[in-house]
Protein backbone atom coordinates (compact mmCIF):
# COMPACT_ATOMS: atom_id res chain seq x y z
CA UNK A 1 5.57 116.22 -5.14
CA UNK A 2 4.21 119.50 -6.27
CA UNK A 3 5.36 119.46 -9.80
CA UNK A 4 6.07 117.90 -12.20
CA UNK A 5 7.27 117.49 -15.55
CA UNK A 6 5.73 114.44 -18.15
CA UNK A 7 5.32 113.93 -21.60
CA UNK A 8 1.58 114.00 -23.08
CA UNK A 9 0.87 110.45 -23.61
CA UNK A 10 -2.58 108.81 -25.69
CA UNK A 11 -4.35 106.65 -22.81
CA UNK A 12 -1.93 107.51 -19.91
CA UNK A 13 -0.25 104.17 -17.93
CA UNK A 14 -1.26 103.53 -14.50
CA UNK A 15 2.59 104.63 -13.39
CA UNK A 16 1.65 107.77 -15.03
CA UNK A 17 -1.42 108.52 -13.37
CA UNK A 18 -0.67 108.09 -9.96
CA UNK A 19 1.91 110.82 -10.46
CA UNK A 20 -0.29 113.04 -11.80
CA UNK A 21 -2.57 111.95 -8.83
CA UNK A 22 -0.27 113.13 -6.07
CA UNK A 23 0.96 115.81 -8.13
CA UNK A 24 -0.46 120.21 -7.41
CA UNK A 25 1.01 120.80 -11.21
CA UNK A 26 2.23 119.31 -14.28
CA UNK A 27 3.85 120.67 -16.35
CA UNK A 28 3.68 118.88 -20.66
CA UNK A 29 6.85 119.05 -21.91
CA UNK A 30 5.62 120.24 -25.98
CA UNK A 31 9.15 121.00 -27.43
CA UNK A 32 10.60 117.64 -27.25
CA UNK A 33 12.17 115.47 -30.42
CA UNK A 34 9.67 112.51 -31.37
CA UNK A 35 10.29 109.11 -30.62
CA UNK A 36 9.32 106.04 -31.31
CA UNK A 37 7.52 102.61 -29.79
CA UNK A 38 6.87 105.28 -26.38
CA UNK A 39 3.56 105.94 -24.88
CA UNK A 40 3.38 109.29 -27.35
CA UNK A 41 1.49 106.79 -29.46
CA UNK A 42 0.31 103.46 -27.83
CA UNK A 43 -1.11 102.12 -24.76
CA UNK A 44 -2.12 98.71 -23.49
CA UNK A 45 -4.76 96.72 -22.46
CA UNK A 46 -5.90 93.64 -21.28
CA UNK A 47 -7.64 91.67 -23.84
CA UNK A 48 -8.57 87.87 -23.24
CA UNK A 49 -5.58 86.44 -24.49
CA UNK A 50 -3.00 89.33 -22.69
CA UNK A 51 -2.17 92.18 -23.24
CA UNK A 52 -3.47 94.22 -26.53
CA UNK A 53 -1.06 96.96 -28.08
CA UNK A 54 -3.17 100.23 -29.33
CA UNK A 55 -1.20 101.81 -31.68
CA UNK A 56 -1.92 105.42 -32.61
CA UNK A 57 -0.85 105.34 -36.33
CA UNK A 58 1.16 108.80 -37.71
CA UNK A 59 2.14 110.38 -40.63
CA UNK A 60 6.50 109.85 -40.57
CA UNK A 61 8.59 112.43 -42.47
CA UNK A 62 11.62 111.89 -44.82
CA UNK A 63 14.19 109.27 -43.41
CA UNK A 64 16.31 110.65 -41.58
CA UNK A 65 14.44 113.92 -40.61
CA UNK A 66 13.23 114.35 -36.84
CA UNK A 67 10.62 115.90 -36.47
CA UNK A 68 9.27 117.57 -32.77
CA UNK A 69 6.16 115.32 -30.82
CA UNK A 70 4.26 118.70 -31.18
CA UNK A 71 4.41 118.84 -35.14
CA UNK A 72 3.60 115.05 -35.24
CA UNK A 73 0.14 113.90 -37.32
CA UNK A 74 -1.81 111.35 -36.86
CA UNK A 75 -2.09 109.15 -40.50
CA UNK A 76 -5.99 108.91 -41.13
CA UNK A 77 -6.24 106.48 -44.19
CA UNK A 78 -7.53 103.93 -41.97
CA UNK A 79 -10.32 103.31 -39.04
CA UNK A 80 -7.88 103.20 -36.40
CA UNK A 81 -10.31 104.65 -33.99
CA UNK A 82 -13.29 102.50 -34.64
CA UNK A 83 -10.71 99.31 -34.29
CA UNK A 84 -9.52 101.13 -30.83
CA UNK A 85 -12.71 101.50 -29.81
CA UNK A 86 -14.07 98.35 -30.47
CA UNK A 87 -10.85 96.17 -28.59
CA UNK A 88 -11.88 98.22 -25.81
CA UNK A 89 -15.64 97.31 -25.85
CA UNK A 90 -14.38 93.58 -26.47
CA UNK A 91 -12.15 93.87 -23.47
CA UNK A 92 -14.19 95.52 -21.19
CA UNK A 93 -18.17 95.53 -22.25
CA UNK A 94 -18.30 92.93 -19.21
CA UNK A 95 -16.63 95.52 -16.92
CA UNK A 96 -17.83 96.85 -13.85
CA UNK A 97 -18.32 100.37 -15.59
CA UNK A 98 -17.40 100.34 -18.95
CA UNK A 99 -21.14 101.50 -19.60
CA UNK A 100 -21.02 104.09 -16.81
CA UNK A 101 -17.64 105.72 -18.79
CA UNK A 102 -18.47 105.69 -22.58
CA UNK A 103 -20.84 108.34 -23.35
CA UNK A 104 -17.86 110.04 -21.85
CA UNK A 105 -15.00 108.88 -23.95
CA UNK A 106 -16.57 107.48 -27.42
CA UNK A 107 -16.07 110.70 -28.90
CA UNK A 108 -12.91 110.17 -28.82
CA UNK A 109 -12.94 107.45 -31.16
CA UNK A 110 -16.11 108.50 -33.10
CA UNK A 111 -14.15 112.79 -33.60
CA UNK A 112 -11.30 112.64 -36.41
CA UNK A 113 -7.90 113.75 -34.71
CA UNK A 114 -5.10 115.29 -36.44
CA UNK A 115 -2.38 116.25 -34.40
CA UNK A 116 -1.06 113.70 -32.05
CA UNK A 117 0.05 115.96 -29.43
CA UNK A 118 -3.62 117.81 -29.59
CA UNK A 119 -5.48 114.21 -28.79
CA UNK A 120 -3.27 113.33 -26.34
CA UNK A 121 -4.03 116.82 -23.91
CA UNK A 122 -7.32 116.83 -24.72
CA UNK A 123 -7.29 113.13 -24.05
CA UNK A 124 -5.91 113.82 -20.55
CA UNK A 125 -8.58 116.43 -19.94
CA UNK A 126 -11.10 114.46 -19.76
CA UNK A 127 -9.91 111.47 -17.88
CA UNK A 128 -8.52 113.91 -14.85
CA UNK A 129 -12.90 115.05 -15.10
CA UNK A 130 -13.60 110.97 -15.02
CA UNK A 131 -10.78 109.99 -12.26
CA UNK A 132 -11.55 113.50 -10.62
CA UNK A 133 -8.68 114.62 -10.34
CA UNK A 134 -7.62 118.23 -10.32
CA UNK A 135 -4.58 119.39 -11.12
CA UNK A 136 -2.78 123.05 -12.65
CA UNK A 137 -1.72 122.45 -16.25
CA UNK A 138 1.40 124.03 -17.92
CA UNK A 139 2.70 123.41 -21.15
CA UNK A 140 6.93 123.62 -21.87
CA UNK A 141 8.33 127.21 -23.42
CA UNK A 142 11.13 125.84 -24.28
CA UNK A 143 13.55 121.81 -23.71
CA UNK A 144 13.88 121.78 -20.80
CA UNK A 145 17.51 119.53 -20.61
CA UNK A 146 17.69 120.43 -16.61
CA UNK A 147 14.30 121.17 -15.06
CA UNK A 148 13.81 122.19 -11.62
CA UNK A 149 10.89 120.03 -11.03
CA UNK A 150 10.70 116.53 -10.33
CA UNK A 151 11.49 114.86 -13.95
CA UNK A 152 9.31 112.80 -14.69
CA UNK A 153 9.87 112.08 -18.55
CA UNK A 154 11.08 109.41 -18.75
CA UNK A 155 7.63 107.53 -18.07
CA UNK A 156 6.53 107.79 -21.81
CA UNK A 157 9.55 105.26 -22.45
CA UNK A 158 7.87 102.02 -22.19
CA UNK A 159 10.76 99.63 -20.98
CA UNK A 160 11.43 102.03 -17.73
CA UNK A 161 7.99 102.41 -16.66
CA UNK A 162 8.37 98.76 -16.11
CA UNK A 163 9.98 99.27 -12.53
CA UNK A 164 7.37 99.47 -10.58
CA UNK A 165 4.89 97.30 -8.27
CA UNK A 166 1.66 97.59 -8.46
CA UNK A 167 -1.37 96.63 -5.74
CA UNK A 168 -3.36 93.97 -7.51
CA UNK A 169 -6.92 94.83 -8.80
CA UNK A 170 -9.69 92.37 -9.87
CA UNK A 171 -8.96 92.35 -13.53
CA UNK A 172 -12.19 91.12 -15.96
CA UNK A 173 -10.11 88.76 -17.66
CA UNK A 174 -8.06 88.05 -15.30
CA UNK A 175 -8.72 84.19 -15.15
CA UNK A 176 -7.73 84.01 -18.59
CA UNK A 177 -4.02 85.16 -17.91
CA UNK A 178 -3.53 86.52 -13.99
CA UNK A 179 -3.03 89.98 -13.05
CA UNK A 180 -1.89 92.42 -15.83
CA UNK A 181 0.34 95.79 -13.92
CA UNK A 182 0.52 98.92 -15.63
CA UNK A 183 -2.24 99.00 -18.35
CA UNK A 184 -3.64 101.69 -19.58
CA UNK A 185 -5.55 103.78 -16.94
CA UNK A 186 -8.45 102.98 -19.05
CA UNK A 187 -8.31 99.25 -17.69
CA UNK A 188 -8.18 100.59 -14.12
CA UNK A 189 -11.08 103.24 -14.78
CA UNK A 190 -13.56 100.71 -16.26
CA UNK A 191 -12.97 98.03 -13.53
CA UNK A 192 -12.74 99.87 -10.38
CA UNK A 193 -14.83 103.29 -11.39
CA UNK A 194 -15.14 105.58 -8.89
CA UNK A 195 -12.38 104.34 -6.20
CA UNK A 196 -9.93 104.39 -9.39
CA UNK A 197 -8.33 107.32 -7.58
CA UNK A 198 -8.07 106.09 -4.84
CA UNK A 199 -5.92 103.17 -6.03
CA UNK A 200 -3.94 105.56 -7.83
CA UNK A 201 -3.27 108.05 -4.12
CA UNK A 202 -2.32 105.09 -2.51
CA UNK A 203 0.33 103.44 -4.61
CA UNK A 204 3.48 104.06 -3.12
CA UNK A 205 6.24 104.65 -6.01
CA UNK A 206 8.59 106.39 -5.50
CA UNK A 207 9.56 108.32 -8.66
């Protein structure tokens, strides 16, 4: 794939980053309307009891009024960033590479953020650096109803992203609940470290 169309996600899923690793250019859809219960504001990690949802709280508009994703503001009335970081520490402190990457990531949980899309785009930039993915990034200028490039916007949908088969890798808490596929790419990074990019490139996903 040369060029793909994606939605910015909160610590994207492995399948989304696998698509990024196999392309030359990512166009991010930034002109869409916000939809609840998607990877736009949530990520899943492996915890002691299984899947754990990290949910970024957002400020909702008045009932019935839709808002564009790029306008969505984050609700900071309670310390969600601190809670997310503590959950990551609890889940991955004993993983092989958590300490290797934590200094590069901790600022994302210590620095106050206000706009969801800006935060997600910043996360993507940092993840690409850590994964050593070199890819051109562009933002859409209008909503693409019939894009001429590979449309992978459906990967932002939690349910639609489950239809892929993953090569298992060693997860630090696997003995507790078995292998959990398509978590946030953070899980892959903390468990596989510098091998993470090779893993992403080797997945035979058919998009």
